[in-house]
Protein backbone atom coordinates (compact mmCIF):
# COMPACT_ATOMS: atom_id res chain seq x y z
CA MET A 1 7.55 -27.05 -14.11
CA THR A 2 10.88 -25.23 -14.69
CA SER A 3 10.06 -21.55 -15.62
CA THR A 4 12.18 -19.35 -18.49
CA VAL A 5 12.97 -15.98 -16.92
CA VAL A 6 13.67 -13.35 -18.85
CA PRO A 7 15.76 -9.99 -17.71
CA PHE A 8 13.65 -7.19 -15.58
CA MET A 9 13.37 -5.43 -12.25
CA SER A 10 15.14 -2.58 -11.92
CA ASP A 11 18.53 -0.93 -14.59
CA GLU A 12 20.50 -3.07 -11.31
CA LEU A 13 19.41 -6.36 -10.96
CA ILE A 14 18.47 -8.90 -14.18
CA VAL A 15 17.28 -12.41 -12.64
CA SER A 16 18.21 -15.68 -14.41
CA GLN A 17 17.58 -17.91 -11.95
CA PRO A 18 14.07 -20.67 -12.79
CA PHE A 19 11.75 -20.80 -9.69
CA THR A 20 11.14 -24.30 -9.51
CA GLY A 21 6.80 -24.49 -10.27
CA TYR A 22 6.43 -21.12 -11.54
CA CYS A 23 6.06 -20.19 -15.52
CA LEU A 24 6.31 -16.67 -15.30
CA GLU A 25 3.83 -14.76 -17.48
CA GLU A 26 4.96 -10.80 -17.53
CA VAL A 27 5.90 -8.13 -14.90
CA ILE A 28 3.28 -6.67 -13.23
CA GLY A 29 5.43 -4.17 -10.33
CA LYS A 30 8.68 -3.05 -9.98
CA SER A 31 10.47 -1.58 -7.52
CA GLN A 32 13.92 -0.22 -5.94
CA ASN A 33 14.84 -3.88 -5.34
CA GLY A 34 13.14 -6.55 -7.10
CA ALA A 35 9.63 -7.08 -9.31
CA VAL A 36 6.48 -8.95 -9.11
CA TYR A 37 5.13 -11.60 -11.57
CA LYS A 38 2.13 -12.54 -12.67
CA ALA A 39 3.67 -16.67 -12.97
CA ARG A 40 0.93 -19.93 -13.06
CA ASP A 41 1.64 -22.34 -10.72
CA ASP A 42 2.04 -25.67 -12.27
CA ARG A 43 2.13 -27.49 -9.13
CA PHE A 44 -1.89 -26.11 -7.81
CA GLY A 45 -3.36 -25.06 -11.66
CA ARG A 46 -3.68 -21.39 -10.08
CA THR A 47 -2.69 -17.84 -11.08
CA ALA A 48 -0.08 -15.78 -8.48
CA ALA A 49 1.50 -12.93 -8.16
CA LEU A 50 5.31 -13.65 -7.21
CA LYS A 51 7.05 -10.75 -5.83
CA CYS A 52 10.92 -11.30 -5.91
CA MET A 53 13.09 -8.81 -4.10
CA ARG A 54 17.21 -8.52 -3.67
CA ILE A 55 18.54 -8.61 -0.20
CA SER A 56 21.82 -7.10 0.32
CA SER A 57 24.93 -10.18 1.28
CA THR A 58 25.25 -8.07 4.41
CA ALA A 59 22.25 -8.24 5.80
CA ALA A 60 21.30 -11.69 4.13
CA LYS A 61 20.97 -14.09 7.74
CA GLU A 62 19.16 -11.43 9.43
CA VAL A 63 16.78 -10.88 6.54
CA ALA A 64 15.61 -13.65 5.67
CA GLU A 65 14.96 -14.91 9.31
CA THR A 66 13.03 -11.58 9.47
CA PHE A 67 11.19 -12.49 5.90
CA PHE A 68 10.46 -16.21 6.63
CA ALA A 69 8.69 -15.66 10.07
CA GLU A 70 6.41 -13.06 8.75
CA ALA A 71 5.87 -14.73 5.30
CA LYS A 72 3.96 -17.48 7.22
CA GLN A 73 2.79 -14.59 9.66
CA PHE A 74 0.05 -12.78 7.03
CA ALA A 75 -0.56 -16.17 5.38
CA LYS A 76 -2.52 -16.55 8.47
CA VAL A 77 -4.86 -13.58 7.90
CA LYS A 78 -7.47 -14.45 5.81
CA HIS A 79 -9.25 -11.84 4.94
CA PRO A 80 -10.63 -10.24 1.32
CA GLN A 81 -9.03 -7.00 1.58
CA ILE A 82 -6.05 -8.30 2.09
CA ALA A 83 -3.73 -10.15 -0.11
CA ARG A 84 -3.49 -13.58 1.19
CA GLY A 85 0.80 -15.16 1.13
CA ILE A 86 0.57 -18.97 -0.40
CA ASP A 87 4.88 -19.74 -0.85
CA VAL A 88 7.55 -18.67 -0.06
CA GLY A 89 11.01 -19.39 -0.95
CA LYS A 90 15.06 -18.41 -1.97
CA VAL A 91 16.23 -18.51 -5.44
CA GLY A 92 20.49 -17.85 -5.28
CA GLN A 93 20.32 -14.26 -3.96
CA LEU A 94 16.44 -13.80 -4.42
CA TYR A 95 13.95 -14.71 -1.74
CA TYR A 96 10.35 -14.69 -3.42
CA LEU A 97 6.63 -14.09 -1.71
CA ALA A 98 3.59 -15.13 -4.00
CA TYR A 99 0.83 -14.32 -3.30
CA GLU A 100 -3.20 -14.17 -4.81
CA PHE A 101 -4.03 -12.92 -7.72
CA THR A 102 -6.99 -10.52 -8.32
CA ARG A 103 -6.86 -9.00 -11.21
CA GLY A 104 -7.92 -4.93 -10.48
CA GLU A 105 -6.11 -1.75 -11.46
CA THR A 106 -3.82 -0.33 -8.61
CA VAL A 107 -4.75 3.12 -7.03
CA LYS A 108 -2.03 4.56 -8.41
CA ALA A 109 -2.44 3.18 -12.25
CA ARG A 110 -6.00 4.57 -12.42
CA LEU A 111 -5.32 8.26 -10.84
CA GLU A 112 -2.65 8.68 -13.62
CA ARG A 113 -5.00 7.78 -16.14
CA LEU A 114 -7.45 10.11 -15.05
CA GLU A 115 -6.41 13.94 -16.57
CA ARG A 116 -6.97 15.36 -12.95
CA LYS A 117 -5.02 12.63 -11.14
CA ARG A 118 -7.48 12.75 -8.38
CA PHE A 119 -11.18 10.69 -7.55
CA THR A 120 -14.35 12.52 -5.93
CA GLU A 121 -14.15 12.88 -1.60
CA ARG A 122 -16.87 10.41 -1.82
CA THR A 123 -13.91 7.45 -4.12
CA ALA A 124 -11.82 8.07 -2.16
CA LEU A 125 -13.01 7.57 1.36
CA THR A 126 -14.64 3.73 0.56
CA ILE A 127 -10.98 3.27 -0.43
CA VAL A 128 -9.30 4.52 2.88
CA LEU A 129 -12.57 2.72 4.75
CA SER A 130 -11.87 -0.27 3.13
CA VAL A 131 -7.78 0.11 3.90
CA ALA A 132 -8.29 0.93 7.21
CA ASP A 133 -10.91 -1.88 8.38
CA ALA A 134 -7.32 -4.36 6.13
CA LEU A 135 -5.45 -2.46 8.68
CA ASN A 136 -7.45 -3.18 11.42
CA ILE A 137 -7.73 -6.89 10.14
CA LEU A 138 -3.28 -6.96 10.30
CA PHE A 139 -3.25 -4.70 13.85
CA ARG A 140 -5.47 -7.46 15.29
CA ALA A 141 -3.03 -10.29 14.14
CA ASN A 142 -0.62 -8.62 15.98
CA LEU A 143 0.88 -7.23 12.08
CA THR A 144 1.68 -4.46 10.04
CA HIS A 145 1.82 -3.46 6.69
CA ARG A 146 4.58 -0.80 6.43
CA ARG A 147 3.87 -0.32 2.54
CA ILE A 148 0.95 1.47 2.46
CA HIS A 149 1.08 3.15 -1.20
CA PRO A 150 -1.01 3.98 -4.17
CA ARG A 151 0.46 1.04 -5.87
CA HIS A 152 0.06 -1.82 -3.04
CA ILE A 153 -4.25 -0.92 -3.07
CA LEU A 154 -5.89 -3.17 -5.84
CA CYS A 155 -9.14 -1.77 -6.83
CA THR A 156 -10.27 -5.47 -8.03
CA ASP A 157 -12.09 -5.95 -11.18
CA THR A 158 -15.51 -6.82 -8.61
CA LYS A 159 -15.23 -4.06 -7.40
CA ASN A 160 -13.24 -4.82 -4.03
CA VAL A 161 -10.57 -3.06 -2.21
CA GLN A 162 -7.26 -4.95 -1.76
CA LEU A 163 -4.40 -4.07 0.00
CA LEU A 164 -0.97 -5.57 -1.15
CA GLU A 165 2.51 -6.52 -0.77
CA SER A 166 2.51 -6.83 3.54
CA GLY A 167 5.61 -7.38 5.12
CA PHE A 168 8.29 -5.85 2.26
CA ALA A 169 9.88 -3.79 4.55
CA TYR A 170 12.84 -4.46 6.04
CA GLU A 171 14.24 -2.02 7.65
CA ILE A 172 18.38 -3.83 8.55
CA SER A 173 20.56 -0.94 7.77
CA GLU A 174 21.21 2.43 6.41
CA GLU A 175 21.04 1.85 4.01
CA SER A 176 18.72 -0.98 3.02
CA ASN A 177 16.78 1.83 4.77
CA LYS A 178 17.65 4.18 2.42
CA SER A 179 15.87 2.13 -0.76
CA LEU A 180 13.04 1.67 1.42
CA LEU A 181 12.71 5.28 1.11
CA GLN A 182 13.21 6.25 -1.85
CA GLY A 183 10.45 4.05 -3.67
CA MET A 184 8.48 4.95 -0.31
CA ILE A 185 9.17 8.47 0.55
CA HIS A 186 6.23 10.66 -0.10
CA TYR A 187 4.29 8.08 1.94
CA ILE A 188 6.34 7.51 5.37
CA SER A 189 6.01 8.64 8.81
CA PRO A 190 9.23 10.94 10.38
CA GLU A 191 9.56 8.11 13.07
CA ARG A 192 9.96 5.56 10.01
CA ILE A 193 12.07 8.54 8.57
CA GLN A 194 14.03 8.24 11.52
CA MET A 195 14.90 4.34 11.89
CA ARG A 196 12.77 3.75 15.13
CA GLU A 197 12.95 0.33 16.10
CA ASP A 198 9.65 0.83 17.68
CA ALA A 199 7.82 2.14 14.76
CA ASP A 200 4.35 0.24 14.51
CA ILE A 201 0.52 0.62 13.24
CA ARG A 202 0.21 3.96 13.95
CA SER A 203 2.85 4.21 10.78
CA ASP A 204 0.48 2.53 8.49
CA LEU A 205 -2.18 5.24 9.62
CA TYR A 206 0.21 7.66 8.92
CA ALA A 207 0.91 6.24 5.48
CA LEU A 208 -3.07 5.91 4.61
CA GLY A 209 -3.10 9.90 5.33
CA CYS A 210 -0.93 10.98 2.65
CA VAL A 211 -2.27 8.08 0.24
CA TRP A 212 -5.95 10.30 1.49
CA TYR A 213 -4.62 13.58 0.79
CA GLU A 214 -3.23 12.51 -3.04
CA MET A 215 -6.55 11.18 -3.98
CA VAL A 216 -8.44 13.74 -3.13
CA SER A 217 -6.19 16.75 -4.34
CA GLY A 218 -4.31 15.22 -6.57
CA SER A 219 -0.93 15.37 -5.37
CA PRO A 220 0.90 13.50 -1.99
CA PRO A 221 0.71 16.18 1.27
CA PHE A 222 5.24 16.52 0.46
CA SER A 223 6.29 16.84 -3.10
CA GLY A 224 7.40 19.34 -5.28
CA SER A 225 11.55 17.67 -5.12
CA ASN A 226 12.28 15.16 -6.07
CA GLU A 227 15.70 15.62 -3.52
CA LEU A 228 15.09 12.63 -1.02
CA GLU A 229 16.61 14.67 2.19
CA ILE A 230 14.37 17.46 1.48
CA LEU A 231 11.01 15.59 1.43
CA MET A 232 12.83 13.80 4.63
CA GLN A 233 12.92 17.03 6.41
CA LYS A 234 9.30 17.70 4.93
CA HIS A 235 7.86 14.78 6.78
CA LEU A 236 9.72 15.56 9.58
CA GLU A 237 8.53 19.35 10.76
CA ALA A 238 6.08 20.62 7.64
CA MET A 239 3.08 21.31 7.68
CA PRO A 240 0.54 19.98 4.22
CA ASP A 241 -1.15 23.09 2.58
CA ASP A 242 -4.55 23.17 3.62
CA LEU A 243 -6.82 20.73 1.67
CA GLN A 244 -9.90 23.40 1.93
CA GLU A 245 -8.43 25.72 -0.16
CA LYS A 246 -8.02 23.40 -2.79
CA LYS A 247 -12.39 22.50 -1.69
CA ILE A 248 -12.44 19.89 -0.03
CA SER A 249 -14.18 19.80 2.78
CA ALA A 250 -13.93 19.88 6.81
CA ALA A 251 -15.13 16.43 7.80
CA THR A 252 -12.11 15.38 4.90
CA SER A 253 -9.17 17.67 5.69
CA VAL A 254 -9.67 16.53 10.03
CA LEU A 255 -9.23 13.36 9.34
CA ILE A 256 -6.53 13.46 7.26
CA ASN A 257 -5.00 15.70 9.74
CA TRP A 258 -5.50 13.56 12.00
CA LEU A 259 -3.93 10.93 10.95
CA LEU A 260 -0.51 13.06 9.53
CA GLU A 261 0.15 14.58 12.90
CA LYS A 262 4.07 14.72 12.99
CA ASP A 263 3.74 13.17 17.05
CA ARG A 264 2.38 9.87 16.56
CA ASP A 265 0.89 10.07 20.11
CA ARG A 266 -1.85 12.26 18.59
CA ARG A 267 -2.70 10.18 15.30
CA PRO A 268 -5.46 7.25 15.56
CA ARG A 269 -4.09 5.29 18.53
CA THR A 270 -4.82 2.25 16.09
CA PRO A 271 -7.24 1.29 13.51
CA ALA A 272 -10.59 0.90 14.60
CA ALA A 273 -9.90 4.34 16.32
CA PHE A 274 -10.31 5.60 13.62
CA LEU A 275 -12.90 3.20 11.87
CA ASN A 276 -14.87 4.76 14.54
CA LYS A 277 -14.61 8.72 13.57
CA LEU A 278 -14.63 7.57 9.87
CA GLN A 279 -17.86 5.65 9.99
CA GLN A 280 -19.31 9.63 11.29
CA HIS A 281 -18.04 11.07 8.21
CA PRO A 282 -21.23 13.07 6.77
CA LEU A 283 -20.58 11.24 3.20
CA LEU A 284 -21.93 8.22 4.78
CA ASP A 285 -25.43 9.11 5.28
CA ALA A 286 -28.07 6.28 6.03
CA ASP A 287 -28.51 5.85 2.10
CA THR A 288 -24.91 5.26 2.18
CA GLU A 289 -24.01 0.84 1.40
CA PRO A 290 -22.08 -0.61 3.91
CA MET A 291 -18.44 0.06 2.34
CA VAL A 292 -16.08 -2.19 4.74
CA THR A 293 -15.93 -5.76 5.44
CA ASP A 294 -18.59 -7.94 3.25
CA PRO A 295 -16.13 -9.90 0.83
CA ASN A 296 -19.20 -9.79 -1.54
CA ALA A 297 -20.27 -5.85 -1.54
CA ASP A 298 -20.02 -4.35 -4.80
CA LEU A 299 -17.54 -1.37 -2.58
CA LEU A 300 -16.60 0.04 -5.82
CA ALA A 301 -20.07 1.11 -7.70
CA GLY A 302 -19.72 3.96 -9.39
CA LEU A 303 -15.78 4.59 -9.44
CA ASP A 304 -15.72 6.15 -12.46
CA GLU A 305 -18.32 8.78 -12.43
CA PRO A 306 -17.98 12.41 -10.30
CA ASP A 307 -20.20 13.59 -7.28
CA ALA A 308 -23.57 15.25 -8.46
CA ASP A 309 -22.62 17.73 -5.98
CA ASP A 310 -18.89 17.82 -6.40
CA GLU A 311 -18.17 19.01 -10.09
CA SER A 312 -14.65 20.38 -8.16
CA ASN A 313 -13.53 17.40 -7.34
CA GLU A 314 -14.68 15.14 -10.28
CA TYR A 315 -13.06 13.04 -11.99
């Protein structure tokens, strides 16, 4: 079956091509150069998330090769905390990746609907543990995510945490990199701003530090301006506000600052190294339930309830 596509995406792009095999139902996300559909896969009778992206003609060949190669690699990764790719293709000038659809709410959406725009330290720690665990799986498969962002972390209806949109970052040219920066500027590492070709998993860990900072404080570590150049400079040179002044524990503050080191050699070398320290956090005492690796674990039980001993950080 071929779907009929209604206009969507960004203000600059309207999609009118049909996607063979998929019936597009609704837009569930947008970005600088594309969007994500909830779609019905008529061939296999399943629901999928269909990520579509536009590639500039000047970078098309190189991007296409990277896109399809990475899609195949990510499809091999099977882990409950990573959305698995199930199909990849090209329609007209659009490239798409279909991955498993999971019901839930992104961290971004959940933060936005909270009056204080932040989680308790315990809730944020639970989410960070899960994302770090997922990054460790990717690292062991010689992959990086490159799109760590609150809208790419899903709190599922089954109380798990799932990492979305792996590999959708193609820094092929200065133009494409600037487009990417506009969507990721609050969560992007210094080396990626500098367009270093050797950026690695430590960039993902830096981005996770930015997300963690926002989850406990209510805003990213560098904000207050919408000017791209100003925010880029802050990532390169500025220090974020002291979290302990925001009544965040020293244990959490130290770990976040470790992730946010400007010099990547001063950050955790691997997700496993970070997890080793993270699992020593005082909030993870003997009474704490396991939070990672178990696909059946109720990772976010009590998510909407504040910690009894943390009224200053409740939501």
